[in-house]
Amino acid sequence: MIEEGKALFLQIAESVEESIIDGSLGEETQAPSTNELAAFYRINPATAAKGVNMLVDKGVLYKRRGIGMFVAEGARTALLAERRAAFADRYVDPLLAEARHLGLDADDLARLIHERSTTTEGSAR
């Protein structure tokens, strides 16, 4: 899971976020502890704590004193909204800019996407 060139604490935070998004870590359930994350990824507990604290600052996790960290209510919805916005910024905006450059309108673009998704779905089976 460790990616070269990306800060370890960010990778820890993204891993926990992914578990929340995919449903394997449900809302109001206990999240892995800093020590568990550190042991699993074989990293310094302070590094794991930095990733966990980042999620606390975002409101994705919260601490129950003496018990541990838990996934906040609404965390999955908030993370999905954040990911959708990032998706639009990263993929949709450049796609629209290139489409305009090529003289394609929204209908042309929708048709291309539909054609490609139908082709991709057929080849994935």
Protein backbone atom coordinates (compact mmCIF):
# COMPACT_ATOMS: atom_id res chain seq x y z
CA MET A 1 0.00 0.00 0.00
CA ILE A 2 2.91 2.35 0.63
CA GLU A 3 3.40 4.67 -2.36
CA GLU A 4 6.72 6.27 -3.14
CA GLY A 5 6.66 10.06 -3.17
CA LYS A 6 3.50 10.48 -1.08
CA ALA A 7 3.66 11.32 2.61
CA LEU A 8 2.91 8.29 4.78
CA PHE A 9 0.43 10.15 6.98
CA LEU A 10 -1.58 11.09 3.87
CA GLN A 11 -1.59 7.47 2.76
CA ILE A 12 -2.87 6.41 6.20
CA ALA A 13 -5.65 9.01 6.05
CA GLU A 14 -6.60 7.98 2.51
CA SER A 15 -6.67 4.31 3.51
CA VAL A 16 -9.07 5.00 6.38
CA GLU A 17 -11.17 7.23 4.11
CA GLU A 18 -11.35 4.45 1.50
CA SER A 19 -12.57 2.01 4.18
CA ILE A 20 -15.30 4.47 5.11
CA ILE A 21 -16.32 5.06 1.51
CA ASP A 22 -16.44 1.36 0.61
CA GLY A 23 -18.46 0.63 3.75
CA SER A 24 -15.99 -1.68 5.45
CA LEU A 25 -15.71 0.92 8.22
CA GLY A 26 -19.23 2.06 9.03
CA GLU A 27 -20.38 5.25 10.67
CA GLU A 28 -20.30 5.20 14.48
CA THR A 29 -17.97 2.16 14.43
CA GLN A 30 -14.55 2.14 16.00
CA ALA A 31 -11.68 3.03 13.69
CA PRO A 32 -8.29 1.32 13.90
CA SER A 33 -6.09 2.81 16.59
CA THR A 34 -2.92 4.71 15.87
CA ASN A 35 -0.90 1.78 17.22
CA GLU A 36 -2.81 -0.73 15.08
CA LEU A 37 -2.21 1.37 11.97
CA ALA A 38 1.46 1.82 12.85
CA ALA A 39 1.93 -1.91 13.37
CA PHE A 40 0.03 -2.88 10.22
CA TYR A 41 1.94 -0.47 7.97
CA ARG A 42 5.19 -0.81 9.95
CA ILE A 43 5.54 2.90 10.48
CA ASN A 44 6.14 5.21 13.41
CA PRO A 45 3.02 5.67 15.59
CA ALA A 46 3.50 9.45 15.40
CA THR A 47 3.15 9.25 11.61
CA ALA A 48 -0.04 7.20 11.91
CA ALA A 49 -1.33 9.68 14.51
CA LYS A 50 -0.75 12.55 12.09
CA GLY A 51 -2.97 10.83 9.50
CA VAL A 52 -5.67 10.05 12.07
CA ASN A 53 -5.57 13.61 13.43
CA MET A 54 -6.00 14.92 9.91
CA LEU A 55 -9.28 12.95 9.73
CA VAL A 56 -10.33 14.29 13.13
CA ASP A 57 -9.70 17.84 11.89
CA LYS A 58 -11.89 17.10 8.83
CA GLY A 59 -14.68 15.79 11.06
CA VAL A 60 -14.44 12.26 9.65
CA LEU A 61 -13.31 10.71 12.93
CA TYR A 62 -13.94 11.69 16.53
CA LYS A 63 -12.48 10.54 19.83
CA ARG A 64 -14.36 8.88 22.66
CA ARG A 65 -12.21 9.49 25.67
CA GLY A 66 -10.70 6.29 26.99
CA ILE A 67 -12.24 4.16 24.23
CA GLY A 68 -10.73 5.25 20.92
CA MET A 69 -11.52 6.83 17.58
CA PHE A 70 -14.87 6.40 15.87
CA VAL A 71 -16.25 7.21 12.43
CA ALA A 72 -18.44 10.30 12.59
CA GLU A 73 -22.05 10.25 11.51
CA GLY A 74 -22.26 11.59 7.95
CA ALA A 75 -18.56 10.87 7.27
CA ARG A 76 -19.24 8.69 4.22
CA THR A 77 -21.55 11.28 2.66
CA ALA A 78 -19.03 14.07 3.29
CA LEU A 79 -16.14 12.02 1.85
CA LEU A 80 -18.17 11.11 -1.25
CA ALA A 81 -19.03 14.78 -1.80
CA GLU A 82 -15.36 15.70 -1.44
CA ARG A 83 -14.34 12.97 -3.89
CA ARG A 84 -17.00 14.02 -6.41
CA ALA A 85 -15.79 17.62 -6.28
CA ALA A 86 -12.19 16.47 -6.75
CA PHE A 87 -13.30 14.25 -9.64
CA ALA A 88 -14.96 17.21 -11.34
CA ASP A 89 -11.88 19.38 -10.86
CA ARG A 90 -9.45 16.72 -11.99
CA TYR A 91 -11.34 15.07 -14.86
CA VAL A 92 -14.55 16.84 -15.88
CA ASP A 93 -13.22 20.39 -16.13
CA PRO A 94 -10.27 19.40 -18.38
CA LEU A 95 -12.61 17.18 -20.42
CA LEU A 96 -14.98 20.09 -20.99
CA ALA A 97 -12.12 22.42 -21.89
CA GLU A 98 -10.78 19.96 -24.48
CA ALA A 99 -14.28 19.34 -25.84
CA ARG A 100 -14.76 23.08 -26.36
CA HIS A 101 -11.35 23.23 -28.04
CA LEU A 102 -12.46 20.47 -30.43
CA GLY A 103 -15.83 22.06 -31.10
CA LEU A 104 -17.82 19.38 -29.29
CA ASP A 105 -21.03 20.39 -27.52
CA ALA A 106 -22.65 18.71 -24.52
CA ASP A 107 -24.70 16.35 -26.72
CA ASP A 108 -21.57 15.24 -28.61
CA LEU A 109 -19.78 14.65 -25.35
CA ALA A 110 -22.69 12.72 -23.85
CA ARG A 111 -22.86 10.56 -26.97
CA LEU A 112 -19.12 9.81 -26.81
CA ILE A 113 -19.31 8.91 -23.14
CA HIS A 114 -22.31 6.67 -23.73
CA GLU A 115 -20.60 4.93 -26.66
CA ARG A 116 -17.42 4.36 -24.67
CA SER A 117 -19.22 3.16 -21.55
CA THR A 118 -21.28 0.69 -23.61
CA THR A 119 -18.12 -0.57 -25.33
CA THR A 120 -16.23 -0.81 -22.03
CA GLU A 121 -19.09 -2.64 -20.29
CA GLY A 122 -19.29 -5.16 -23.11
CA SER A 123 -15.57 -5.88 -23.05
CA ALA A 124 -15.46 -6.16 -19.26
CA ARG A 125 -17.81 -9.15 -19.25
